[in-house]
Structure formats: C-alpha cells, structure tokens
C-alpha atoms as a PDB file:
ATOM      1  CA  MET A   1    -106.809 164.567  45.072  1.00  0.00           C
ATOM      2  CA  GLU A   2    -105.985 161.999  47.501  1.00  0.00           C
ATOM      3  CA  LYS A   3    -108.638 160.455  49.453  1.00  0.00           C
ATOM      4  CA  LYS A   4    -108.110 159.414  53.073  1.00  0.00           C
ATOM      5  CA  LEU A   5    -110.071 157.017  55.017  1.00  0.00           C
ATOM      6  CA  SER A   6    -110.044 157.025  58.860  1.00  0.00           C
ATOM      7  CA  TYR A   7    -111.329 154.574  61.176  1.00  0.00           C
ATOM      8  CA  ASN A   8    -110.550 155.967  64.536  1.00  0.00           C
ATOM      9  CA  LYS A   9    -108.159 158.288  66.001  1.00  0.00           C
ATOM     10  CA  ASN A  10    -106.291 155.366  67.526  1.00  0.00           C
ATOM     11  CA  HIS A  11    -106.139 153.389  64.394  1.00  0.00           C
ATOM     12  CA  TRP A  12    -104.355 153.597  61.068  1.00  0.00           C
ATOM     13  CA  ILE A  13    -105.257 155.902  58.427  1.00  0.00           C
ATOM     14  CA  PHE A  14    -105.456 154.481  54.903  1.00  0.00           C
ATOM     15  CA  ASN A  15    -105.318 156.287  51.642  1.00  0.00           C
ATOM     16  CA  SER A  16    -106.231 154.909  48.254  1.00  0.00           C
ATOM     17  CA  ARG A  17    -102.839 153.874  47.207  1.00  0.00           C
ATOM     18  CA  ASN A  18    -102.636 151.599  50.278  1.00  0.00           C
ATOM     19  CA  ILE A  19    -105.947 150.053  49.464  1.00  0.00           C
ATOM     20  CA  ASN A  20    -104.638 149.173  45.905  1.00  0.00           C
ATOM     21  CA  LYS A  21    -101.526 147.793  47.057  1.00  0.00           C
ATOM     22  CA  ASN A  22    -103.417 145.566  49.387  1.00  0.00           C
ATOM     23  CA  LYS A  23    -105.746 144.338  46.731  1.00  0.00           C
ATOM     24  CA  ARG A  24    -102.704 143.076  44.499  1.00  0.00           C
ATOM     25  CA  GLY A  25    -101.558 141.127  47.402  1.00  0.00           C
ATOM     26  CA  VAL A  26    -104.913 139.579  48.041  1.00  0.00           C
ATOM     27  CA  SER A  27    -105.395 138.616  44.413  1.00  0.00           C
ATOM     28  CA  ALA A  28    -102.143 136.910  44.223  1.00  0.00           C
ATOM     29  CA  ILE A  29    -103.007 134.783  47.438  1.00  0.00           C
ATOM     30  CA  ILE A  30    -106.419 133.875  45.886  1.00  0.00           C
ATOM     31  CA  VAL A  31    -104.705 132.827  42.657  1.00  0.00           C
ATOM     32  CA  THR A  32    -102.122 130.726  44.541  1.00  0.00           C
ATOM     33  CA  VAL A  33    -105.019 129.112  46.547  1.00  0.00           C
ATOM     34  CA  ILE A  34    -106.949 128.272  43.428  1.00  0.00           C
ATOM     35  CA  LEU A  35    -103.817 126.790  41.771  1.00  0.00           C
ATOM     36  CA  VAL A  36    -103.262 124.595  44.817  1.00  0.00           C
ATOM     37  CA  ALA A  37    -106.909 123.507  44.674  1.00  0.00           C
ATOM     38  CA  LEU A  38    -106.726 122.684  41.113  1.00  0.00           C
ATOM     39  CA  VAL A  39    -103.475 120.622  41.509  1.00  0.00           C
ATOM     40  CA  MET A  40    -105.069 118.789  44.454  1.00  0.00           C
ATOM     41  CA  THR A  41    -108.280 118.138  42.373  1.00  0.00           C
ATOM     42  CA  ALA A  42    -106.221 116.832  39.587  1.00  0.00           C
ATOM     43  CA  GLY A  43    -104.169 114.657  41.846  1.00  0.00           C
ATOM     44  CA  ALA A  44    -107.337 113.115  43.272  1.00  0.00           C
ATOM     45  CA  VAL A  45    -108.745 112.352  40.022  1.00  0.00           C
ATOM     46  CA  VAL A  46    -105.524 110.666  38.766  1.00  0.00           C
ATOM     47  CA  TRP A  47    -105.336 108.641  42.072  1.00  0.00           C
ATOM     48  CA  ALA A  48    -108.768 107.429  41.709  1.00  0.00           C
ATOM     49  CA  MET A  49    -108.296 106.156  38.190  1.00  0.00           C
ATOM     50  CA  VAL A  50    -104.991 104.485  38.939  1.00  0.00           C
ATOM     51  CA  ASN A  51    -106.471 103.039  42.060  1.00  0.00           C
ATOM     52  CA  ASN A  52    -109.329 101.521  40.181  1.00  0.00           C
ATOM     53  CA  LEU A  53    -106.819 100.120  37.493  1.00  0.00           C
ATOM     54  CA  ILE A  54    -104.634  98.469  40.062  1.00  0.00           C
ATOM     55  CA  LYS A  55    -107.459  96.999  42.048  1.00  0.00           C
ATOM     56  CA  GLY A  56    -108.746  95.376  38.761  1.00  0.00           C
ATOM     57  CA  GLN A  57    -105.502  93.867  38.036  1.00  0.00           C
ATOM     58  CA  THR A  58    -104.787  92.634  41.593  1.00  0.00           C
ATOM     59  CA  GLU A  59    -107.865  90.898  42.000  1.00  0.00           C
ATOM     60  CA  GLY A  60    -107.059  88.093  39.455  1.00  0.00           C
ATOM     61  CA  ALA A  61    -103.505  87.925  40.916  1.00  0.00           C
ATOM     62  CA  GLU A  62    -104.838  87.280  44.464  1.00  0.00           C
ATOM     63  CA  SER A  63    -106.927  84.413  43.285  1.00  0.00           C
ATOM     64  CA  CYS A  64    -104.066  82.898  41.215  1.00  0.00           C
ATOM     65  CA  LEU A  65    -101.758  82.905  44.281  1.00  0.00           C
ATOM     66  CA  ASN A  66    -104.336  80.646  46.038  1.00  0.00           C
ATOM     67  CA  VAL A  67    -103.865  77.961  43.503  1.00  0.00           C
ATOM     68  CA  LEU A  68    -100.128  77.743  44.152  1.00  0.00           C
ATOM     69  CA  ASN A  69     -99.317  74.014  44.569  1.00  0.00           C
ATOM     70  CA  LYS A  70    -102.899  73.098  44.515  1.00  0.00           C
ATOM     71  CA  VAL A  71    -103.389  72.235  40.944  1.00  0.00           C
ATOM     72  CA  THR A  72    -100.809  69.765  39.874  1.00  0.00           C
ATOM     73  CA  ILE A  73    -100.013  67.111  37.431  1.00  0.00           C
ATOM     74  CA  ASN A  74     -99.691  63.626  39.187  1.00  0.00           C
ATOM     75  CA  GLY A  75     -96.411  62.206  37.749  1.00  0.00           C
ATOM     76  CA  LEU A  76     -97.301  58.597  39.001  1.00  0.00           C
ATOM     77  CA  TYR A  77    -100.150  58.347  36.399  1.00  0.00           C
ATOM     78  CA  THR A  78     -98.705  60.370  33.603  1.00  0.00           C
ATOM     79  CA  CYS A  79     -96.870  58.598  30.776  1.00  0.00           C
ATOM     80  CA  TYR A  80     -96.719  58.027  26.982  1.00  0.00           C
ATOM     81  CA  ASP A  81     -98.263  54.929  25.398  1.00  0.00           C
ATOM     82  CA  LYS A  82     -96.294  54.497  22.149  1.00  0.00           C
ATOM     83  CA  THR A  83     -98.346  51.399  21.152  1.00  0.00           C
ATOM     84  CA  GLY A  84    -101.545  53.444  21.001  1.00  0.00           C
ATOM     85  CA  ASN A  85     -99.937  56.801  20.293  1.00  0.00           C
ATOM     86  CA  ASN A  86    -101.531  58.264  23.518  1.00  0.00           C
ATOM     87  CA  VAL A  87    -100.541  60.429  26.440  1.00  0.00           C
ATOM     88  CA  HIS A  88    -101.788  59.662  29.651  1.00  0.00           C
ATOM     89  CA  PHE A  89    -101.808  62.390  32.234  1.00  0.00           C
ATOM     90  CA  SER A  90    -103.311  62.965  35.811  1.00  0.00           C
ATOM     91  CA  ILE A  91    -104.431  66.164  37.327  1.00  0.00           C
ATOM     92  CA  ASN A  92    -104.920  66.735  41.091  1.00  0.00           C
ATOM     93  CA  ILE A  93    -106.838  69.554  42.578  1.00  0.00           C
ATOM     94  CA  GLY A  94    -106.402  70.518  46.225  1.00  0.00           C
ATOM     95  CA  ASP A  95    -108.474  72.657  48.516  1.00  0.00           C
ATOM     96  CA  VAL A  96    -109.221  75.309  46.059  1.00  0.00           C
ATOM     97  CA  ASP A  97    -112.324  76.390  43.743  1.00  0.00           C
ATOM     98  CA  ILE A  98    -111.225  76.776  40.090  1.00  0.00           C
ATOM     99  CA  ASP A  99    -113.448  77.032  36.945  1.00  0.00           C
ATOM    100  CA  GLU A 100    -111.222  75.605  34.326  1.00  0.00           C
ATOM    101  CA  VAL A 101    -107.760  74.214  33.606  1.00  0.00           C
ATOM    102  CA  VAL A 102    -105.904  74.609  30.140  1.00  0.00           C
ATOM    103  CA  VAL A 103    -103.747  71.560  29.420  1.00  0.00           C
ATOM    104  CA  VAL A 104    -101.080  71.918  26.905  1.00  0.00           C
ATOM    105  CA  ILE A 105     -99.215  68.734  25.626  1.00  0.00           C
ATOM    106  CA  SER A 106     -96.192  69.605  23.385  1.00  0.00           C
ATOM    107  CA  SER A 107     -94.103  66.904  21.263  1.00  0.00           C
ATOM    108  CA  ALA A 108     -91.907  67.303  18.161  1.00  0.00           C
ATOM    109  CA  GLY A 109     -94.825  66.204  15.983  1.00  0.00           C
ATOM    110  CA  ALA A 110     -97.850  68.160  17.572  1.00  0.00           C
ATOM    111  CA  THR A 111     -98.930  70.499  20.327  1.00  0.00           C
ATOM    112  CA  LYS A 112    -102.407  70.233  21.572  1.00  0.00           C
ATOM    113  CA  SER A 113    -104.363  72.267  24.032  1.00  0.00           C
ATOM    114  CA  TYR A 114    -107.271  71.100  26.066  1.00  0.00           C
ATOM    115  CA  THR A 115    -109.689  73.200  28.321  1.00  0.00           C
ATOM    116  CA  LEU A 116    -111.182  71.156  31.033  1.00  0.00           C
ATOM    117  CA  THR A 117    -114.220  72.696  32.797  1.00  0.00           C
ATOM    118  CA  ASN A 118    -116.374  71.604  35.874  1.00  0.00           C
ATOM    119  CA  TYR A 119    -118.960  70.244  33.579  1.00  0.00           C
ATOM    120  CA  ASP A 120    -119.197  67.076  31.341  1.00  0.00           C
ATOM    121  CA  GLN A 121    -118.057  67.688  27.862  1.00  0.00           C
ATOM    122  CA  THR A 122    -116.876  65.824  24.882  1.00  0.00           C
ATOM    123  CA  ILE A 123    -113.515  67.004  23.656  1.00  0.00           C
ATOM    124  CA  PRO A 124    -112.091  65.386  20.405  1.00  0.00           C
ATOM    125  CA  GLY A 125    -108.915  63.499  21.163  1.00  0.00           C
ATOM    126  CA  LEU A 126    -109.424  63.470  24.871  1.00  0.00           C
ATOM    127  CA  GLY A 127    -111.227  61.050  27.030  1.00  0.00           C
ATOM    128  CA  PRO A 128    -111.253  59.629  30.637  1.00  0.00           C
ATOM    129  CA  TYR A 129    -108.903  56.747  31.627  1.00  0.00           C
ATOM    130  CA  PRO A 130    -109.104  53.886  31.187  1.00  0.00           C
ATOM    131  CA  SER A 131    -111.399  53.829  28.134  1.00  0.00           C
ATOM    132  CA  GLY A 132    -110.062  56.930  26.393  1.00  0.00           C
ATOM    133  CA  SER A 133    -113.449  57.898  25.193  1.00  0.00           C
ATOM    134  CA  GLY A 134    -116.526  59.706  26.402  1.00  0.00           C
ATOM    135  CA  SER A 135    -116.986  63.058  28.283  1.00  0.00           C
ATOM    136  CA  VAL A 136    -114.495  64.571  30.500  1.00  0.00           C
ATOM    137  CA  LYS A 137    -114.536  67.156  33.238  1.00  0.00           C
ATOM    138  CA  LEU A 138    -112.364  68.602  36.039  1.00  0.00           C
ATOM    139  CA  PRO A 139    -111.633  66.526  39.061  1.00  0.00           C
ATOM    140  CA  GLU A 140    -113.622  67.557  42.188  1.00  0.00           C
ATOM    141  CA  LYS A 141    -112.085  69.727  44.996  1.00  0.00           C
ATOM    142  CA  ASN A 142    -109.409  67.535  46.751  1.00  0.00           C
ATOM    143  CA  GLY A 143    -109.549  64.957  44.182  1.00  0.00           C
ATOM    144  CA  GLY A 144    -107.797  63.726  40.987  1.00  0.00           C
ATOM    145  CA  LYS A 145    -108.583  62.261  37.547  1.00  0.00           C
ATOM    146  CA  THR A 146    -106.521  60.619  34.767  1.00  0.00           C
ATOM    147  CA  TYR A 147    -107.068  61.318  31.054  1.00  0.00           C
ATOM    148  CA  ILE A 148    -106.000  59.938  27.766  1.00  0.00           C
ATOM    149  CA  ALA A 149    -105.046  62.234  25.037  1.00  0.00           C
ATOM    150  CA  SER A 150    -104.819  60.609  21.461  1.00  0.00           C
ATOM    151  CA  GLY A 151    -102.927  61.326  18.299  1.00  0.00           C
ATOM    152  CA  PHE A 152     -99.379  61.681  19.397  1.00  0.00           C
ATOM    153  CA  THR A 153     -96.889  59.870  17.131  1.00  0.00           C
ATOM    154  CA  GLU A 154     -93.948  60.759  19.238  1.00  0.00           C
ATOM    155  CA  GLY A 155     -93.535  61.029  23.029  1.00  0.00           C
ATOM    156  CA  PRO A 156     -94.281  64.491  24.527  1.00  0.00           C
ATOM    157  CA  ASP A 157     -91.668  66.870  25.413  1.00  0.00           C
ATOM    158  CA  SER A 158     -93.746  68.736  27.977  1.00  0.00           C
ATOM    159  CA  ILE A 159     -97.147  69.008  29.699  1.00  0.00           C
ATOM    160  CA  ARG A 160     -98.290  72.283  31.240  1.00  0.00           C
ATOM    161  CA  ILE A 161    -101.512  73.130  33.119  1.00  0.00           C
ATOM    162  CA  ALA A 162    -102.860  76.448  33.944  1.00  0.00           C
ATOM    163  CA  PRO A 163    -105.965  77.107  35.980  1.00  0.00           C
ATOM    164  CA  ILE A 164    -108.621  79.598  34.991  1.00  0.00           C
ATOM    165  CA  ILE A 165    -110.388  81.396  37.895  1.00  0.00           C
ATOM    166  CA  ALA A 166    -113.246  83.942  37.602  1.00  0.00           C
ATOM    167  CA  GLY A 167    -112.431  84.129  33.826  1.00  0.00           C
ATOM    168  CA  LYS A 168    -108.749  84.999  34.290  1.00  0.00           C
ATOM    169  CA  GLN A 169    -106.114  82.446  33.217  1.00  0.00           C
ATOM    170  CA  CYS A 170    -103.292  82.134  35.668  1.00  0.00           C
ATOM    171  CA  ASP A 171     -99.643  81.228  34.989  1.00  0.00           C
ATOM    172  CA  THR A 172     -98.651  77.715  34.748  1.00  0.00           C
ATOM    173  CA  SER A 173     -99.317  76.059  38.046  1.00  0.00           C
ATOM    174  CA  ASP A 174     -97.408  72.740  37.037  1.00  0.00           C
ATOM    175  CA  GLU A 175     -95.284  71.350  34.249  1.00  0.00           C
ATOM    176  CA  MET A 176     -93.510  67.911  33.457  1.00  0.00           C
ATOM    177  CA  PHE A 177     -90.590  67.706  31.030  1.00  0.00           C
ATOM    178  CA  GLN A 178     -89.648  64.078  31.167  1.00  0.00           C
ATOM    179  CA  ILE A 179     -92.565  61.924  30.396  1.00  0.00           C
ATOM    180  CA  GLU A 180     -91.833  58.228  30.695  1.00  0.00           C
ATOM    181  CA  ASN A 181     -93.226  55.412  28.441  1.00  0.00           C
ATOM    182  CA  CYS A 182     -96.047  53.582  30.012  1.00  0.00           C
ATOM    183  CA  ILE A 183     -95.303  50.023  30.922  1.00  0.00           C
END
C-alpha cells in the first residue's frame, strides 16, 4: 500500500518512495559537511602546533641577527706572546645587549673555551690585560676589553667568538685565523 501525501492541490504530491530517496541525498550531504568540518579542524590544530614551533625557533634567530657585526674581535690588540705562552685577544661590543660571549681559542697543542658574562668572575687561565690575573667580564655596550689567556705552548690557529642572547647561543659572530706574534 502506497502512502500519498498532499500539501495543496497546486503543489507536488509526494509518496513514501520519494521521501526515502530524499533522505539518502540529505544524509550524503551531511556526511560531506561533517568530513569537511573534520578536515578543517585537523588543519587548524596542525597549523597552531607548527606556528608555535616556528615562532619559538625564530625568536632566537631574530635576536642573533641584531648582533651581526656588533660583537667582534679587535685585531689591533689580538696577538700571541710566545715568551709567556699567552694569547692576547680583544673583544668589542657595539650597540647591542648580550648576556654572554663564548670565546674559543684553537691551536695545535690545545683548544680552550671561555664564557664571558656581564658579571665579574674568575676563570682559570684567563685574566684582564695587562696583568693577566683577576676577575673578568664582558665589555660594556659600545666598549671593548682585552684579555690574556694563558697556557698556550704554540701560537693559536684561530680565535672565534659567539654571543649568547636570552639563553640561546648564536653562530660565530667573528673569527681570526692569522694571529700575529706580539711585539
């Protein structure tokens, strides 16, 4: 027995078969809308995670770009004193705020690393120029200081410096490869 529905004489007459066909069409549309919503939600979640990850990585890079050519080795006051087995090196800091500087001095006989901070500290084998002993710290903003590193039996092959800003070490900001003998 077929059930007929009528709305008005001037409108369509629906039977139960037409209603079932329309329900199948509506359910396919609903499934499509739900799938699109799920894909958009998953995309938003992935974007939020990637965006936070990228932001965290670029914050340190931005501050390191600001030190380019502002944390340097002063070649006029950098040399090797073979009579005392010392390396004299000078660091200049421009108009930039930094927390620390890592200094790496490499020679055939030894490689030594020093971390200079904004606070006075005693570092074995490193002292201020001219005495070579005592506490050391970074130069002030727009200033420079010379240091004496002891215990090098051979002249250094290279001196490298890398600033640390907000706990993140930047790439080497300056390096010297030909260190002359002190006169």
